[in-house]
């Protein structure tokens, strides 16, 4: 796939998931575009830092835990896309509220590597202090080990 095609896919994924109406936010394109053997690497040196291996772990362990901490469906608004070859870099900002009513509006730099139209790897860079302040430490028991 070309850089332009990869960039367009990521733009479509973020547009569908950024609807201001929580009921209208759609993650179906993201889910369909995630390779079964994809990896999501949360960078840094804090409790969330780890690699989530496989589509099931990304959707259930990582995103499932985030969903359990937020009042509504996750909203992340992308404001810049940079594409080169099989890599698309997305700068984005969260627009979220925790179940306790605290704002969780993290800034993200997400580096996506695609292969044949599927997301194979995501590297997440964000404000780790804000993540732990708003969402708490990532529970060790929530991570399944790969088979």
N, C-alpha and C. Protein backbone atom coordinates (compact mmCIF):
# COMPACT_ATOMS: atom_id res chain seq x y z
N UNK A 1 0.84 -1.18 0.00
CA UNK A 1 0.00 0.00 0.00
C UNK A 1 0.89 1.25 0.00
N UNK A 2 0.41 2.28 -0.62
CA UNK A 2 1.18 3.52 -0.68
C UNK A 2 1.03 4.31 0.62
N UNK A 3 1.93 5.25 0.81
CA UNK A 3 1.86 6.13 1.98
C UNK A 3 0.54 6.88 1.99
N UNK A 4 0.09 7.34 0.82
CA UNK A 4 -1.17 8.08 0.74
C UNK A 4 -2.36 7.19 1.12
N UNK A 5 -2.34 5.94 0.70
CA UNK A 5 -3.42 5.00 1.05
C UNK A 5 -3.42 4.71 2.54
N UNK A 6 -2.24 4.50 3.10
CA UNK A 6 -2.13 4.26 4.54
C UNK A 6 -2.61 5.47 5.35
N UNK A 7 -2.22 6.65 4.90
CA UNK A 7 -2.63 7.89 5.58
C UNK A 7 -4.15 8.04 5.53
N UNK A 8 -4.74 7.78 4.38
CA UNK A 8 -6.20 7.89 4.23
C UNK A 8 -6.91 6.91 5.15
N UNK A 9 -6.41 5.70 5.26
CA UNK A 9 -7.01 4.72 6.17
C UNK A 9 -6.99 5.24 7.60
N UNK A 10 -5.87 5.76 8.03
CA UNK A 10 -5.78 6.27 9.40
C UNK A 10 -6.69 7.48 9.60
N UNK A 11 -6.78 8.35 8.60
CA UNK A 11 -7.69 9.50 8.70
C UNK A 11 -9.14 9.02 8.84
N UNK A 12 -9.51 8.00 8.08
CA UNK A 12 -10.88 7.46 8.16
C UNK A 12 -11.14 6.82 9.52
N UNK A 13 -10.16 6.08 10.04
CA UNK A 13 -10.31 5.45 11.36
C UNK A 13 -10.54 6.50 12.44
N UNK A 14 -9.71 7.54 12.45
CA UNK A 14 -9.84 8.57 13.47
C UNK A 14 -11.11 9.39 13.30
N UNK A 15 -11.52 9.66 12.07
CA UNK A 15 -12.75 10.42 11.85
C UNK A 15 -13.96 9.67 12.40
N UNK A 16 -14.01 8.37 12.17
CA UNK A 16 -15.15 7.57 12.64
C UNK A 16 -15.21 7.50 14.16
N UNK A 17 -14.06 7.53 14.81
CA UNK A 17 -14.02 7.37 16.26
C UNK A 17 -14.05 8.71 17.01
N UNK A 18 -14.08 9.83 16.31
CA UNK A 18 -14.00 11.13 16.98
C UNK A 18 -15.33 11.86 17.06
N UNK A 19 -16.42 11.20 16.69
CA UNK A 19 -17.73 11.84 16.73
C UNK A 19 -18.01 12.39 18.13
N UNK A 20 -18.50 13.63 18.23
CA UNK A 20 -18.80 14.20 19.56
C UNK A 20 -19.89 13.42 20.30
N UNK A 21 -20.76 12.73 19.58
CA UNK A 21 -21.82 11.93 20.19
C UNK A 21 -21.27 10.55 20.54
N UNK A 22 -21.16 10.23 21.83
CA UNK A 22 -20.58 8.93 22.20
C UNK A 22 -21.27 7.74 21.54
N UNK A 23 -22.57 7.82 21.34
CA UNK A 23 -23.31 6.70 20.74
C UNK A 23 -22.97 6.52 19.26
N UNK A 24 -22.45 7.58 18.63
CA UNK A 24 -22.15 7.51 17.19
C UNK A 24 -20.68 7.19 16.91
N UNK A 25 -19.85 7.13 17.95
CA UNK A 25 -18.44 6.81 17.74
C UNK A 25 -18.32 5.38 17.25
N UNK A 26 -17.55 5.21 16.19
CA UNK A 26 -17.48 3.90 15.54
C UNK A 26 -16.04 3.42 15.48
N UNK A 27 -15.77 2.31 16.11
CA UNK A 27 -14.42 1.71 16.12
C UNK A 27 -14.34 0.53 15.16
N UNK A 28 -15.38 0.28 14.38
CA UNK A 28 -15.41 -0.90 13.51
C UNK A 28 -14.28 -0.91 12.49
N UNK A 29 -13.98 0.24 11.89
CA UNK A 29 -12.90 0.29 10.89
C UNK A 29 -11.55 0.02 11.56
N UNK A 30 -11.33 0.56 12.75
CA UNK A 30 -10.09 0.28 13.48
C UNK A 30 -9.97 -1.22 13.75
N UNK A 31 -11.03 -1.79 14.29
CA UNK A 31 -11.02 -3.22 14.61
C UNK A 31 -10.78 -4.07 13.37
N UNK A 32 -11.44 -3.74 12.27
CA UNK A 32 -11.27 -4.50 11.03
C UNK A 32 -9.88 -4.32 10.44
N UNK A 33 -9.24 -3.19 10.71
CA UNK A 33 -7.93 -2.90 10.14
C UNK A 33 -6.78 -3.39 11.00
N UNK A 34 -7.07 -3.88 12.18
CA UNK A 34 -6.04 -4.35 13.10
C UNK A 34 -5.69 -5.80 12.76
N UNK A 35 -4.43 -6.04 12.46
CA UNK A 35 -3.97 -7.40 12.14
C UNK A 35 -4.12 -8.28 13.38
N UNK A 36 -4.39 -9.56 13.17
CA UNK A 36 -4.55 -10.49 14.29
C UNK A 36 -3.30 -10.54 15.16
N UNK A 37 -2.13 -10.37 14.55
CA UNK A 37 -0.86 -10.44 15.29
C UNK A 37 -0.26 -9.05 15.57
N UNK A 38 -1.11 -8.04 15.59
CA UNK A 38 -0.64 -6.67 15.84
C UNK A 38 -0.07 -6.55 17.25
N UNK A 39 0.77 -5.52 17.41
CA UNK A 39 1.35 -5.19 18.72
C UNK A 39 1.10 -3.72 19.00
N UNK A 40 0.71 -3.41 20.25
CA UNK A 40 0.57 -2.03 20.70
C UNK A 40 1.58 -1.84 21.82
N UNK A 41 2.55 -0.98 21.60
CA UNK A 41 3.59 -0.74 22.58
C UNK A 41 3.32 0.60 23.26
N UNK A 42 3.08 0.55 24.55
CA UNK A 42 2.96 1.76 25.35
C UNK A 42 4.36 2.06 25.86
N UNK A 43 4.94 3.14 25.37
CA UNK A 43 6.33 3.46 25.68
C UNK A 43 6.45 4.06 27.07
N UNK A 44 7.67 4.17 27.56
CA UNK A 44 7.93 4.82 28.83
C UNK A 44 8.32 3.82 29.90
N UNK A 45 8.32 4.32 31.12
CA UNK A 45 8.72 3.50 32.27
C UNK A 45 7.73 3.71 33.41
N UNK A 46 6.48 3.39 33.14
CA UNK A 46 5.45 3.49 34.17
C UNK A 46 4.57 2.26 34.08
N UNK A 47 3.55 2.16 34.91
CA UNK A 47 2.79 0.91 35.02
C UNK A 47 2.09 0.49 33.73
N UNK A 48 1.80 1.42 32.85
CA UNK A 48 1.13 1.10 31.59
C UNK A 48 2.12 0.66 30.51
N UNK A 49 3.39 0.88 30.72
CA UNK A 49 4.42 0.58 29.71
C UNK A 49 4.56 -0.93 29.53
N UNK A 50 4.25 -1.37 28.33
CA UNK A 50 4.33 -2.79 27.99
C UNK A 50 3.91 -2.95 26.54
N UNK A 51 4.08 -4.13 26.02
CA UNK A 51 3.60 -4.47 24.67
C UNK A 51 2.38 -5.35 24.82
N UNK A 52 1.30 -4.95 24.18
CA UNK A 52 0.09 -5.76 24.11
C UNK A 52 0.18 -6.52 22.80
N UNK A 53 0.30 -7.85 22.89
CA UNK A 53 0.56 -8.69 21.72
C UNK A 53 -0.72 -9.35 21.24
N UNK A 54 -1.11 -9.02 20.02
CA UNK A 54 -2.28 -9.63 19.41
C UNK A 54 -3.52 -8.75 19.49
N UNK A 55 -4.37 -8.90 18.51
CA UNK A 55 -5.59 -8.11 18.40
C UNK A 55 -6.46 -8.26 19.66
N UNK A 56 -6.60 -9.49 20.15
CA UNK A 56 -7.43 -9.74 21.32
C UNK A 56 -6.91 -8.99 22.54
N UNK A 57 -5.61 -8.99 22.77
CA UNK A 57 -5.03 -8.29 23.91
C UNK A 57 -5.20 -6.77 23.77
N UNK A 58 -5.00 -6.26 22.57
CA UNK A 58 -5.16 -4.82 22.34
C UNK A 58 -6.60 -4.40 22.63
N UNK A 59 -7.55 -5.12 22.07
CA UNK A 59 -8.96 -4.74 22.21
C UNK A 59 -9.50 -5.00 23.61
N UNK A 60 -9.10 -6.10 24.22
CA UNK A 60 -9.67 -6.46 25.52
C UNK A 60 -8.84 -6.00 26.70
N UNK A 61 -7.54 -6.25 26.68
CA UNK A 61 -6.71 -5.89 27.83
C UNK A 61 -6.48 -4.38 27.90
N UNK A 62 -5.94 -3.80 26.83
CA UNK A 62 -5.64 -2.37 26.84
C UNK A 62 -6.90 -1.53 26.71
N UNK A 63 -7.60 -1.65 25.59
CA UNK A 63 -8.79 -0.82 25.38
C UNK A 63 -9.90 -1.16 26.35
N UNK A 64 -10.02 -2.43 26.72
CA UNK A 64 -11.04 -2.82 27.69
C UNK A 64 -10.83 -2.14 29.03
N UNK A 65 -9.59 -2.09 29.48
CA UNK A 65 -9.32 -1.43 30.75
C UNK A 65 -9.57 0.07 30.64
N UNK A 66 -9.14 0.68 29.56
CA UNK A 66 -9.40 2.12 29.38
C UNK A 66 -10.91 2.38 29.40
N UNK A 67 -11.67 1.57 28.67
CA UNK A 67 -13.14 1.75 28.64
C UNK A 67 -13.73 1.62 30.05
N UNK A 68 -13.19 0.72 30.86
CA UNK A 68 -13.72 0.52 32.20
C UNK A 68 -13.49 1.74 33.10
N UNK A 69 -12.55 2.59 32.74
CA UNK A 69 -12.21 3.76 33.55
C UNK A 69 -12.89 5.05 33.08
N UNK A 70 -13.48 5.03 31.88
CA UNK A 70 -14.07 6.25 31.32
C UNK A 70 -15.60 6.23 31.41
N UNK A 71 -16.18 7.44 31.50
CA UNK A 71 -17.63 7.57 31.59
C UNK A 71 -18.32 7.24 30.27
N UNK A 72 -17.69 7.59 29.16
CA UNK A 72 -18.25 7.36 27.83
C UNK A 72 -17.23 6.65 26.97
N UNK A 73 -17.63 6.33 25.74
CA UNK A 73 -16.71 5.70 24.80
C UNK A 73 -15.53 6.64 24.54
N UNK A 74 -14.36 6.06 24.41
CA UNK A 74 -13.13 6.82 24.21
C UNK A 74 -13.24 7.74 23.00
N UNK A 75 -12.75 8.97 23.16
CA UNK A 75 -12.70 9.91 22.05
C UNK A 75 -11.29 10.48 21.96
N UNK A 76 -10.68 10.29 20.79
CA UNK A 76 -9.35 10.83 20.51
C UNK A 76 -9.42 11.55 19.18
N UNK A 77 -9.06 12.82 19.20
CA UNK A 77 -9.19 13.66 18.01
C UNK A 77 -7.82 13.88 17.40
N UNK A 78 -7.65 13.40 16.19
CA UNK A 78 -6.37 13.56 15.48
C UNK A 78 -6.31 14.95 14.84
N UNK A 79 -5.14 15.57 14.90
CA UNK A 79 -4.99 16.88 14.25
C UNK A 79 -3.81 16.94 13.29
N UNK A 80 -3.03 15.85 13.20
CA UNK A 80 -1.96 15.82 12.20
C UNK A 80 -1.65 14.37 11.84
N UNK A 81 -1.48 14.16 10.53
CA UNK A 81 -1.11 12.85 10.01
C UNK A 81 0.12 13.04 9.14
N UNK A 82 1.15 12.26 9.38
CA UNK A 82 2.37 12.29 8.58
C UNK A 82 2.63 10.87 8.12
N UNK A 83 2.75 10.69 6.81
CA UNK A 83 2.92 9.33 6.27
C UNK A 83 4.17 9.23 5.42
N UNK A 84 4.86 8.12 5.61
CA UNK A 84 6.02 7.80 4.78
C UNK A 84 6.09 6.28 4.68
N UNK A 85 5.94 5.77 3.49
CA UNK A 85 5.99 4.32 3.29
C UNK A 85 4.90 3.63 4.07
N UNK A 86 5.29 2.65 4.91
CA UNK A 86 4.32 1.87 5.67
C UNK A 86 4.07 2.44 7.07
N UNK A 87 4.55 3.68 7.32
CA UNK A 87 4.40 4.30 8.64
C UNK A 87 3.53 5.55 8.53
N UNK A 88 2.57 5.65 9.48
CA UNK A 88 1.75 6.85 9.61
C UNK A 88 1.86 7.32 11.05
N UNK A 89 2.27 8.56 11.23
CA UNK A 89 2.37 9.17 12.55
C UNK A 89 1.15 10.06 12.75
N UNK A 90 0.49 9.88 13.88
CA UNK A 90 -0.73 10.64 14.18
C UNK A 90 -0.52 11.39 15.48
N UNK A 91 -0.68 12.71 15.41
CA UNK A 91 -0.73 13.53 16.62
C UNK A 91 -2.19 13.71 16.96
N UNK A 92 -2.53 13.50 18.23
CA UNK A 92 -3.94 13.54 18.61
C UNK A 92 -4.08 14.01 20.05
N UNK A 93 -5.31 14.34 20.40
CA UNK A 93 -5.63 14.77 21.77
C UNK A 93 -6.90 14.06 22.20
N UNK A 94 -6.87 13.53 23.42
CA UNK A 94 -8.05 12.90 23.98
C UNK A 94 -9.07 13.92 24.42
N UNK A 95 -10.31 13.50 24.47
CA UNK A 95 -11.43 14.32 24.95
C UNK A 95 -12.31 13.37 25.77
N UNK A 96 -11.89 13.12 27.02
CA UNK A 96 -12.52 12.08 27.81
C UNK A 96 -12.72 12.51 29.25
N UNK A 97 -13.65 11.82 29.93
CA UNK A 97 -13.94 12.04 31.34
C UNK A 97 -13.95 10.68 32.02
N UNK A 98 -13.29 10.60 33.17
CA UNK A 98 -13.28 9.34 33.91
C UNK A 98 -14.64 9.13 34.58
N UNK A 99 -14.85 7.93 35.08
CA UNK A 99 -16.09 7.61 35.80
C UNK A 99 -16.25 8.49 37.05
N UNK A 100 -15.13 8.98 37.58
CA UNK A 100 -15.17 9.85 38.76
C UNK A 100 -15.37 11.32 38.40
N UNK A 101 -15.43 11.64 37.10
CA UNK A 101 -15.67 13.00 36.66
C UNK A 101 -14.43 13.82 36.36
N UNK A 102 -13.25 13.23 36.42
CA UNK A 102 -12.01 13.95 36.12
C UNK A 102 -11.77 13.96 34.61
N UNK A 103 -11.24 15.06 34.12
CA UNK A 103 -10.89 15.15 32.69
C UNK A 103 -9.68 14.27 32.41
N UNK A 104 -9.73 13.59 31.26
CA UNK A 104 -8.57 12.83 30.79
C UNK A 104 -8.37 13.20 29.32
N UNK A 105 -7.64 14.27 29.10
CA UNK A 105 -7.43 14.83 27.76
C UNK A 105 -5.95 14.75 27.41
N UNK A 106 -5.45 13.54 27.30
CA UNK A 106 -4.03 13.33 27.06
C UNK A 106 -3.64 13.74 25.64
N UNK A 107 -2.40 14.12 25.48
CA UNK A 107 -1.81 14.37 24.16
C UNK A 107 -1.09 13.10 23.74
N UNK A 108 -1.26 12.72 22.47
CA UNK A 108 -0.68 11.48 21.97
C UNK A 108 0.13 11.72 20.71
N UNK A 109 1.17 10.94 20.58
CA UNK A 109 1.85 10.75 19.31
C UNK A 109 1.80 9.24 19.10
N UNK A 110 1.09 8.82 18.07
CA UNK A 110 0.90 7.40 17.78
C UNK A 110 1.58 7.08 16.46
N UNK A 111 2.46 6.11 16.49
CA UNK A 111 3.19 5.71 15.29
C UNK A 111 2.65 4.35 14.86
N UNK A 112 1.97 4.36 13.71
CA UNK A 112 1.36 3.15 13.16
C UNK A 112 2.24 2.59 12.05
N UNK A 113 2.47 1.28 12.08
CA UNK A 113 3.13 0.59 10.97
C UNK A 113 2.10 -0.34 10.36
N UNK A 114 1.90 -0.16 9.05
CA UNK A 114 0.91 -0.95 8.34
C UNK A 114 1.57 -1.91 7.37
N UNK A 115 0.86 -2.99 7.09
CA UNK A 115 1.35 -3.98 6.14
C UNK A 115 0.13 -4.52 5.39
N UNK A 116 0.11 -4.33 4.08
CA UNK A 116 -1.01 -4.80 3.24
C UNK A 116 -2.36 -4.32 3.76
N UNK A 117 -2.43 -3.05 4.16
CA UNK A 117 -3.69 -2.46 4.60
C UNK A 117 -4.11 -2.80 6.02
N UNK A 118 -3.25 -3.48 6.76
CA UNK A 118 -3.55 -3.86 8.15
C UNK A 118 -2.56 -3.19 9.09
N UNK A 119 -3.04 -2.80 10.26
CA UNK A 119 -2.18 -2.22 11.28
C UNK A 119 -1.43 -3.35 11.96
N UNK A 120 -0.10 -3.32 11.87
CA UNK A 120 0.74 -4.36 12.47
C UNK A 120 1.35 -3.93 13.80
N UNK A 121 1.63 -2.62 13.93
CA UNK A 121 2.24 -2.15 15.17
C UNK A 121 1.82 -0.72 15.44
N UNK A 122 1.62 -0.43 16.72
CA UNK A 122 1.32 0.92 17.19
C UNK A 122 2.27 1.21 18.34
N UNK A 123 2.94 2.34 18.26
CA UNK A 123 3.78 2.81 19.37
C UNK A 123 3.12 4.07 19.90
N UNK A 124 2.79 4.05 21.18
CA UNK A 124 2.07 5.16 21.82
C UNK A 124 3.02 5.96 22.71
N UNK A 125 3.04 7.27 22.48
CA UNK A 125 3.78 8.21 23.32
C UNK A 125 2.75 9.18 23.89
N UNK A 126 2.75 9.35 25.21
CA UNK A 126 1.77 10.25 25.83
C UNK A 126 2.31 10.75 27.16
N UNK A 127 1.50 11.54 27.85
CA UNK A 127 1.85 12.06 29.17
C UNK A 127 1.55 10.96 30.20
N UNK A 128 2.58 10.24 30.61
CA UNK A 128 2.40 9.11 31.52
C UNK A 128 1.91 9.56 32.90
N UNK A 129 2.33 10.72 33.35
CA UNK A 129 1.90 11.22 34.66
C UNK A 129 0.39 11.45 34.62
N UNK A 130 -0.11 12.06 33.55
CA UNK A 130 -1.55 12.29 33.43
C UNK A 130 -2.31 10.97 33.36
N UNK A 131 -1.78 10.01 32.62
CA UNK A 131 -2.44 8.71 32.51
C UNK A 131 -2.64 8.09 33.89
N UNK A 132 -1.58 8.02 34.67
CA UNK A 132 -1.70 7.40 35.99
C UNK A 132 -2.52 8.25 36.96
N UNK A 133 -2.46 9.58 36.83
CA UNK A 133 -3.25 10.45 37.70
C UNK A 133 -4.74 10.26 37.43
N UNK A 134 -5.12 10.21 36.15
CA UNK A 134 -6.54 10.13 35.80
C UNK A 134 -7.08 8.70 35.80
N UNK A 135 -6.29 7.76 35.31
CA UNK A 135 -6.78 6.39 35.14
C UNK A 135 -6.25 5.42 36.17
N UNK A 136 -5.22 5.83 36.90
CA UNK A 136 -4.61 4.94 37.89
C UNK A 136 -3.58 4.04 37.24
N UNK A 137 -2.86 3.27 38.06
CA UNK A 137 -1.87 2.34 37.51
C UNK A 137 -2.57 1.23 36.74
N UNK A 138 -1.86 0.68 35.76
CA UNK A 138 -2.42 -0.42 34.99
C UNK A 138 -2.35 -1.69 35.82
N UNK A 139 -3.46 -2.40 35.99
CA UNK A 139 -3.45 -3.60 36.82
C UNK A 139 -2.67 -4.74 36.19
N UNK A 140 -1.79 -5.33 36.95
CA UNK A 140 -0.98 -6.45 36.43
C UNK A 140 -1.85 -7.62 36.01
N UNK A 141 -2.92 -7.89 36.73
CA UNK A 141 -3.77 -9.04 36.43
C UNK A 141 -4.53 -8.88 35.11
N UNK A 142 -4.59 -7.67 34.57
CA UNK A 142 -5.37 -7.42 33.36
C UNK A 142 -4.64 -7.81 32.08
N UNK A 143 -3.42 -8.27 32.18
CA UNK A 143 -2.64 -8.59 30.99
C UNK A 143 -2.54 -10.10 30.84
N UNK A 144 -3.06 -10.60 29.73
CA UNK A 144 -2.94 -12.05 29.49
C UNK A 144 -1.61 -12.33 28.80
N UNK A 145 -1.07 -13.47 29.03
CA UNK A 145 0.19 -13.83 28.40
C UNK A 145 -0.08 -14.46 27.05
N UNK A 146 0.73 -14.14 26.05
CA UNK A 146 0.52 -14.71 24.71
C UNK A 146 0.73 -16.22 24.73
N UNK A 147 -0.01 -16.90 23.88
CA UNK A 147 0.11 -18.37 23.77
C UNK A 147 1.39 -18.76 23.11
